[in-house]
Amino acid sequence: MHMRVLRNQDYRRMRWKNGGGWTTQLAAHPADADAFDWRISIADIESDGAFSTFAGCDRYIALLEGIGMQLEFDAMPAERLDQRLRFLKFSGDWQTRGRLISGPVRDFNVIVRRDAIAADVLFRPLVGPMVFLPESGTTWFVYLVGGQARLKNDDAPLEAGEALLLQPDATLPEDGNQNTRPGANVVLTGGGELVLVKLQRKIAAGSA
């Protein structure tokens, strides 16, 4: 399992084409590709507006900061997103519109291509050690929402807003990045709040 520590300078911040907000891309695979299998980001939403559609994808969204917003869909009743870090799953195929309840919001987003990736997105407290074990076809994205954490045998702390990307050996080529380290178990300890995203690659029908 390869581990990469993601600092704020590793993220990509992009203005929306309609001018209604910003997206900060935390990680994606393949990296820098429009046809990604999965993408994890934070959105700063400044005004009401339509969401982008992502055909063939499932989406997960939760409020990070702000009062909240109402999500209106063409395929199901509206949902109110006003509870911090309570994740809502919906289809990226749906026509979706967000209406702010009272002022701008910041939200956490996960998008996965449903025929390739199965996702679990969880909000968990960090109290003491948390162990991540290598598992074939499984990627973990660990985002520190608040507090402070530290990797076992590593003096550099993980601050709020930073993340760990844990990928199977075969999916992450050596790139010379000093924050990319091969290893076995990964142990994170400290105190705070985490978003845990577990991404499991699906086995194609007929594959051995």
C-alpha atoms as a PDB file:
ATOM      1  CA  MET A   1       0.000   0.000   0.000  1.00  0.00           C
ATOM      2  CA  HIS A   2       1.319   3.422  -0.963  1.00  0.00           C
ATOM      3  CA  MET A   3       0.701   6.408   1.270  1.00  0.00           C
ATOM      4  CA  ARG A   4       0.739  10.002   0.144  1.00  0.00           C
ATOM      5  CA  VAL A   5       0.316  12.943   2.526  1.00  0.00           C
ATOM      6  CA  LEU A   6      -1.702  15.701   0.848  1.00  0.00           C
ATOM      7  CA  ARG A   7      -1.058  19.242   2.061  1.00  0.00           C
ATOM      8  CA  ASN A   8      -3.055  22.325   1.094  1.00  0.00           C
ATOM      9  CA  GLN A   9      -0.561  23.183  -1.669  1.00  0.00           C
ATOM     10  CA  ASP A  10      -1.272  19.818  -3.330  1.00  0.00           C
ATOM     11  CA  TYR A  11      -4.932  20.670  -4.002  1.00  0.00           C
ATOM     12  CA  ARG A  12      -6.300  22.332  -7.162  1.00  0.00           C
ATOM     13  CA  ARG A  13      -8.732  25.259  -6.767  1.00  0.00           C
ATOM     14  CA  MET A  14     -10.907  26.139  -9.772  1.00  0.00           C
ATOM     15  CA  ARG A  15     -13.586  28.768 -10.398  1.00  0.00           C
ATOM     16  CA  TRP A  16     -16.913  27.492 -11.715  1.00  0.00           C
ATOM     17  CA  LYS A  17     -17.744  28.389 -15.307  1.00  0.00           C
ATOM     18  CA  ASN A  18     -21.017  30.015 -14.170  1.00  0.00           C
ATOM     19  CA  GLY A  19     -19.218  32.077 -11.520  1.00  0.00           C
ATOM     20  CA  GLY A  20     -21.377  30.703  -8.695  1.00  0.00           C
ATOM     21  CA  GLY A  21     -18.608  29.136  -6.646  1.00  0.00           C
ATOM     22  CA  TRP A  22     -15.277  27.371  -6.424  1.00  0.00           C
ATOM     23  CA  THR A  23     -14.184  23.738  -6.459  1.00  0.00           C
ATOM     24  CA  THR A  24     -11.070  22.570  -4.650  1.00  0.00           C
ATOM     25  CA  GLN A  25     -10.072  19.175  -6.015  1.00  0.00           C
ATOM     26  CA  LEU A  26      -8.447  17.140  -3.260  1.00  0.00           C
ATOM     27  CA  ALA A  27      -7.715  13.970  -5.233  1.00  0.00           C
ATOM     28  CA  ALA A  28      -8.860  12.028  -8.303  1.00  0.00           C
ATOM     29  CA  HIS A  29      -8.001   8.848 -10.167  1.00  0.00           C
ATOM     30  CA  PRO A  30      -6.763   8.932 -12.821  1.00  0.00           C
ATOM     31  CA  ALA A  31      -5.244  12.243 -11.804  1.00  0.00           C
ATOM     32  CA  ASP A  32      -5.887  15.241 -14.070  1.00  0.00           C
ATOM     33  CA  ALA A  33      -8.358  13.312 -16.228  1.00  0.00           C
ATOM     34  CA  ASP A  34     -11.904  14.338 -17.148  1.00  0.00           C
ATOM     35  CA  ALA A  35     -12.905  10.659 -17.387  1.00  0.00           C
ATOM     36  CA  PHE A  36     -12.024   9.854 -13.788  1.00  0.00           C
ATOM     37  CA  ASP A  37     -13.082   6.738 -11.888  1.00  0.00           C
ATOM     38  CA  TRP A  38     -13.396   8.797  -8.701  1.00  0.00           C
ATOM     39  CA  ARG A  39     -12.960  12.397  -7.594  1.00  0.00           C
ATOM     40  CA  ILE A  40     -13.002  13.995  -4.136  1.00  0.00           C
ATOM     41  CA  SER A  41     -13.438  17.737  -3.731  1.00  0.00           C
ATOM     42  CA  ILE A  42     -14.691  20.612  -1.599  1.00  0.00           C
ATOM     43  CA  ALA A  43     -17.082  23.166  -3.087  1.00  0.00           C
ATOM     44  CA  ASP A  44     -17.578  26.752  -1.942  1.00  0.00           C
ATOM     45  CA  ILE A  45     -21.071  27.695  -3.136  1.00  0.00           C
ATOM     46  CA  GLU A  46     -21.822  31.409  -3.289  1.00  0.00           C
ATOM     47  CA  SER A  47     -25.198  31.485  -5.078  1.00  0.00           C
ATOM     48  CA  ASP A  48     -28.141  29.339  -6.181  1.00  0.00           C
ATOM     49  CA  GLY A  49     -27.555  27.340  -9.319  1.00  0.00           C
ATOM     50  CA  ALA A  50     -27.562  24.071 -11.238  1.00  0.00           C
ATOM     51  CA  PHE A  51     -25.111  21.294 -10.426  1.00  0.00           C
ATOM     52  CA  SER A  52     -23.012  19.745 -13.179  1.00  0.00           C
ATOM     53  CA  THR A  53     -24.270  16.363 -14.380  1.00  0.00           C
ATOM     54  CA  PHE A  54     -21.986  13.326 -14.248  1.00  0.00           C
ATOM     55  CA  ALA A  55     -23.502  10.566 -16.377  1.00  0.00           C
ATOM     56  CA  GLY A  56     -22.929   7.061 -15.031  1.00  0.00           C
ATOM     57  CA  CYS A  57     -21.739   8.326 -11.648  1.00  0.00           C
ATOM     58  CA  ASP A  58     -22.940   8.286  -8.048  1.00  0.00           C
ATOM     59  CA  ARG A  59     -22.459  11.366  -5.889  1.00  0.00           C
ATOM     60  CA  TYR A  60     -22.070  11.854  -2.133  1.00  0.00           C
ATOM     61  CA  ILE A  61     -22.347  15.295  -0.554  1.00  0.00           C
ATOM     62  CA  ALA A  62     -22.297  16.702   2.985  1.00  0.00           C
ATOM     63  CA  LEU A  63     -22.302  20.154   4.536  1.00  0.00           C
ATOM     64  CA  LEU A  64     -18.986  21.319   5.989  1.00  0.00           C
ATOM     65  CA  GLU A  65     -19.705  24.974   6.800  1.00  0.00           C
ATOM     66  CA  GLY A  66     -22.692  27.318   6.583  1.00  0.00           C
ATOM     67  CA  ILE A  67     -26.416  27.139   7.277  1.00  0.00           C
ATOM     68  CA  GLY A  68     -27.117  24.739   4.441  1.00  0.00           C
ATOM     69  CA  MET A  69     -28.933  24.415   1.135  1.00  0.00           C
ATOM     70  CA  GLN A  70     -31.877  22.688  -0.481  1.00  0.00           C
ATOM     71  CA  LEU A  71     -31.119  20.199  -3.239  1.00  0.00           C
ATOM     72  CA  GLU A  72     -33.831  19.925  -5.882  1.00  0.00           C
ATOM     73  CA  PHE A  73     -33.855  16.930  -8.230  1.00  0.00           C
ATOM     74  CA  ASP A  74     -35.774  16.036 -11.375  1.00  0.00           C
ATOM     75  CA  ALA A  75     -36.030  12.388 -10.275  1.00  0.00           C
ATOM     76  CA  MET A  76     -36.898  12.523  -6.543  1.00  0.00           C
ATOM     77  CA  PRO A  77     -38.214  14.903  -3.868  1.00  0.00           C
ATOM     78  CA  ALA A  78     -35.977  17.719  -2.663  1.00  0.00           C
ATOM     79  CA  GLU A  79     -33.550  17.132   0.211  1.00  0.00           C
ATOM     80  CA  ARG A  80     -32.437  19.703   2.780  1.00  0.00           C
ATOM     81  CA  LEU A  81     -28.686  19.622   3.392  1.00  0.00           C
ATOM     82  CA  ASP A  82     -28.432  21.369   6.757  1.00  0.00           C
ATOM     83  CA  GLN A  83     -26.830  18.830   9.110  1.00  0.00           C
ATOM     84  CA  ARG A  84     -23.061  19.031   9.234  1.00  0.00           C
ATOM     85  CA  LEU A  85     -21.265  16.025   7.722  1.00  0.00           C
ATOM     86  CA  ARG A  86     -24.397  13.961   7.149  1.00  0.00           C
ATOM     87  CA  PHE A  87     -23.755  12.494   3.694  1.00  0.00           C
ATOM     88  CA  LEU A  88     -26.461  12.307   1.051  1.00  0.00           C
ATOM     89  CA  LYS A  89     -26.113   9.965  -1.936  1.00  0.00           C
ATOM     90  CA  PHE A  90     -27.718  10.768  -5.288  1.00  0.00           C
ATOM     91  CA  SER A  91     -27.245  10.024  -8.969  1.00  0.00           C
ATOM     92  CA  GLY A  92     -24.972  12.201 -11.057  1.00  0.00           C
ATOM     93  CA  ASP A  93     -27.360  11.577 -13.982  1.00  0.00           C
ATOM     94  CA  TRP A  94     -30.107  13.631 -12.318  1.00  0.00           C
ATOM     95  CA  GLN A  95     -30.724  17.284 -13.057  1.00  0.00           C
ATOM     96  CA  THR A  96     -29.896  18.868  -9.684  1.00  0.00           C
ATOM     97  CA  ARG A  97     -30.188  22.433  -8.439  1.00  0.00           C
ATOM     98  CA  GLY A  98     -28.946  23.898  -5.157  1.00  0.00           C
ATOM     99  CA  ARG A  99     -30.743  26.715  -3.332  1.00  0.00           C
ATOM    100  CA  LEU A 100     -28.912  28.346  -0.437  1.00  0.00           C
ATOM    101  CA  ILE A 101     -30.878  28.612   2.812  1.00  0.00           C
ATOM    102  CA  SER A 102     -29.029  31.626   4.214  1.00  0.00           C
ATOM    103  CA  GLY A 103     -25.657  32.645   2.797  1.00  0.00           C
ATOM    104  CA  PRO A 104     -22.750  30.731   1.229  1.00  0.00           C
ATOM    105  CA  VAL A 105     -21.902  27.149   2.161  1.00  0.00           C
ATOM    106  CA  ARG A 106     -18.945  24.810   1.888  1.00  0.00           C
ATOM    107  CA  ASP A 107     -19.559  21.129   1.190  1.00  0.00           C
ATOM    108  CA  PHE A 108     -17.596  17.897   0.799  1.00  0.00           C
ATOM    109  CA  ASN A 109     -18.115  15.919  -2.413  1.00  0.00           C
ATOM    110  CA  VAL A 110     -17.306  12.416  -3.632  1.00  0.00           C
ATOM    111  CA  ILE A 111     -18.079  11.303  -7.202  1.00  0.00           C
ATOM    112  CA  VAL A 112     -17.534   7.711  -8.395  1.00  0.00           C
ATOM    113  CA  ARG A 113     -18.168   5.960 -11.691  1.00  0.00           C
ATOM    114  CA  ARG A 114     -20.719   3.386 -10.598  1.00  0.00           C
ATOM    115  CA  ASP A 115     -19.683   0.599 -12.982  1.00  0.00           C
ATOM    116  CA  ALA A 116     -16.082   0.764 -11.726  1.00  0.00           C
ATOM    117  CA  ILE A 117     -16.072   1.834  -8.065  1.00  0.00           C
ATOM    118  CA  ALA A 118     -18.091   1.072  -4.929  1.00  0.00           C
ATOM    119  CA  ALA A 119     -17.797   3.789  -2.282  1.00  0.00           C
ATOM    120  CA  ASP A 120     -18.413   4.100   1.443  1.00  0.00           C
ATOM    121  CA  VAL A 121     -18.265   7.666   2.783  1.00  0.00           C
ATOM    122  CA  LEU A 122     -18.213   8.053   6.564  1.00  0.00           C
ATOM    123  CA  PHE A 123     -17.784  10.775   9.175  1.00  0.00           C
ATOM    124  CA  ARG A 124     -15.884   9.489  12.217  1.00  0.00           C
ATOM    125  CA  PRO A 125     -14.196  10.890  15.312  1.00  0.00           C
ATOM    126  CA  LEU A 126     -10.479  10.232  15.744  1.00  0.00           C
ATOM    127  CA  VAL A 127      -9.775   9.154  19.311  1.00  0.00           C
ATOM    128  CA  GLY A 128      -6.440   7.381  19.707  1.00  0.00           C
ATOM    129  CA  PRO A 129      -5.009   5.099  16.986  1.00  0.00           C
ATOM    130  CA  MET A 130      -6.787   4.133  13.753  1.00  0.00           C
ATOM    131  CA  VAL A 131      -5.246   1.361  11.621  1.00  0.00           C
ATOM    132  CA  PHE A 132      -5.599   0.970   7.839  1.00  0.00           C
ATOM    133  CA  LEU A 133      -4.690  -2.437   6.393  1.00  0.00           C
ATOM    134  CA  PRO A 134      -3.652  -3.172   2.794  1.00  0.00           C
ATOM    135  CA  GLU A 135      -6.521  -4.656   0.788  1.00  0.00           C
ATOM    136  CA  SER A 136      -6.465  -5.575  -2.889  1.00  0.00           C
ATOM    137  CA  GLY A 137      -8.334  -3.101  -5.066  1.00  0.00           C
ATOM    138  CA  THR A 138      -9.097  -0.756  -2.159  1.00  0.00           C
ATOM    139  CA  THR A 139      -8.146   2.913  -1.845  1.00  0.00           C
ATOM    140  CA  TRP A 140      -8.657   5.014   1.293  1.00  0.00           C
ATOM    141  CA  PHE A 141      -8.917   8.799   1.335  1.00  0.00           C
ATOM    142  CA  VAL A 142      -8.660  10.166   4.888  1.00  0.00           C
ATOM    143  CA  TYR A 143      -9.483  13.862   5.352  1.00  0.00           C
ATOM    144  CA  LEU A 144      -8.854  15.607   8.677  1.00  0.00           C
ATOM    145  CA  VAL A 145     -11.794  17.978   9.140  1.00  0.00           C
ATOM    146  CA  GLY A 146     -10.641  19.298  12.493  1.00  0.00           C
ATOM    147  CA  GLY A 147      -8.102  18.618  15.245  1.00  0.00           C
ATOM    148  CA  GLN A 148      -4.627  17.221  14.754  1.00  0.00           C
ATOM    149  CA  ALA A 149      -3.290  13.799  13.857  1.00  0.00           C
ATOM    150  CA  ARG A 150       0.066  12.112  13.476  1.00  0.00           C
ATOM    151  CA  LEU A 151       1.314   9.102  11.587  1.00  0.00           C
ATOM    152  CA  LYS A 152       3.088   6.408  13.569  1.00  0.00           C
ATOM    153  CA  ASN A 153       6.877   6.824  13.351  1.00  0.00           C
ATOM    154  CA  ASP A 154       6.495  10.226  11.658  1.00  0.00           C
ATOM    155  CA  ASP A 155       7.139  13.537  13.402  1.00  0.00           C
ATOM    156  CA  ALA A 156       5.224  15.680  10.901  1.00  0.00           C
ATOM    157  CA  PRO A 157       1.650  16.299  12.121  1.00  0.00           C
ATOM    158  CA  LEU A 158      -1.434  16.243   9.929  1.00  0.00           C
ATOM    159  CA  GLU A 159      -3.291  19.536  10.323  1.00  0.00           C
ATOM    160  CA  ALA A 160      -6.982  20.296   9.735  1.00  0.00           C
ATOM    161  CA  GLY A 161      -7.725  20.406   6.006  1.00  0.00           C
ATOM    162  CA  GLU A 162      -4.956  17.947   5.103  1.00  0.00           C
ATOM    163  CA  ALA A 163      -5.380  14.338   3.997  1.00  0.00           C
ATOM    164  CA  LEU A 164      -3.902  10.893   3.435  1.00  0.00           C
ATOM    165  CA  LEU A 165      -4.280   8.974   0.183  1.00  0.00           C
ATOM    166  CA  LEU A 166      -3.722   5.229   0.651  1.00  0.00           C
ATOM    167  CA  GLN A 167      -3.641   3.227  -2.581  1.00  0.00           C
ATOM    168  CA  PRO A 168      -2.829  -0.355  -3.588  1.00  0.00           C
ATOM    169  CA  ASP A 169       0.716  -0.760  -4.902  1.00  0.00           C
ATOM    170  CA  ALA A 170      -0.370  -1.452  -8.473  1.00  0.00           C
ATOM    171  CA  THR A 171      -2.398   1.780  -8.853  1.00  0.00           C
ATOM    172  CA  LEU A 172       0.220   4.376  -7.892  1.00  0.00           C
ATOM    173  CA  PRO A 173       3.432   4.518  -9.911  1.00  0.00           C
ATOM    174  CA  GLU A 174       6.557   5.949  -8.373  1.00  0.00           C
ATOM    175  CA  ASP A 175       6.558   9.675  -9.170  1.00  0.00           C
ATOM    176  CA  GLY A 176       9.478  10.968  -7.147  1.00  0.00           C
ATOM    177  CA  ASN A 177       7.175  12.810  -4.740  1.00  0.00           C
ATOM    178  CA  GLN A 178       8.797  12.864  -1.319  1.00  0.00           C
ATOM    179  CA  ASN A 179       5.365  12.518   0.312  1.00  0.00           C
ATOM    180  CA  THR A 180       4.733   9.200  -1.452  1.00  0.00           C
ATOM    181  CA  ARG A 181       5.886   6.256   0.610  1.00  0.00           C
ATOM    182  CA  PRO A 182       5.396   2.496   0.154  1.00  0.00           C
ATOM    183  CA  GLY A 183       4.476   0.561   3.261  1.00  0.00           C
ATOM    184  CA  ALA A 184       2.242  -1.984   4.929  1.00  0.00           C
ATOM    185  CA  ASN A 185      -0.191  -0.983   7.691  1.00  0.00           C
ATOM    186  CA  VAL A 186      -0.786   2.734   8.203  1.00  0.00           C
ATOM    187  CA  VAL A 187      -1.474   3.897  11.770  1.00  0.00           C
ATOM    188  CA  LEU A 188      -2.997   7.329  12.380  1.00  0.00           C
ATOM    189  CA  THR A 189      -3.349   8.666  15.912  1.00  0.00           C
ATOM    190  CA  GLY A 190      -4.536  11.894  17.486  1.00  0.00           C
ATOM    191  CA  GLY A 191      -7.776  13.667  18.218  1.00  0.00           C
ATOM    192  CA  GLY A 192     -10.235  15.263  15.837  1.00  0.00           C
ATOM    193  CA  GLU A 193     -12.789  14.600  13.117  1.00  0.00           C
ATOM    194  CA  LEU A 194     -12.301  12.581   9.935  1.00  0.00           C
ATOM    195  CA  VAL A 195     -14.078  11.984   6.671  1.00  0.00           C
ATOM    196  CA  LEU A 196     -13.202   8.448   5.543  1.00  0.00           C
ATOM    197  CA  VAL A 197     -13.758   7.516   1.916  1.00  0.00           C
ATOM    198  CA  LYS A 198     -13.326   3.837   1.058  1.00  0.00           C
ATOM    199  CA  LEU A 199     -13.105   3.183  -2.689  1.00  0.00           C
ATOM    200  CA  GLN A 200     -13.275  -0.426  -3.859  1.00  0.00           C
ATOM    201  CA  ARG A 201     -12.707  -1.346  -7.487  1.00  0.00           C
ATOM    202  CA  LYS A 202     -15.458  -3.569  -8.869  1.00  0.00           C
ATOM    203  CA  ILE A 203     -14.560  -6.782 -10.684  1.00  0.00           C
ATOM    204  CA  ALA A 204     -15.894  -6.792 -14.241  1.00  0.00           C
ATOM    205  CA  ALA A 205     -18.399  -9.493 -15.113  1.00  0.00           C
ATOM    206  CA  GLY A 206     -16.654 -12.543 -16.484  1.00  0.00           C
ATOM    207  CA  SER A 207     -13.314 -11.677 -14.895  1.00  0.00           C
ATOM    208  CA  ALA A 208     -11.480 -14.340 -12.925  1.00  0.00           C
END
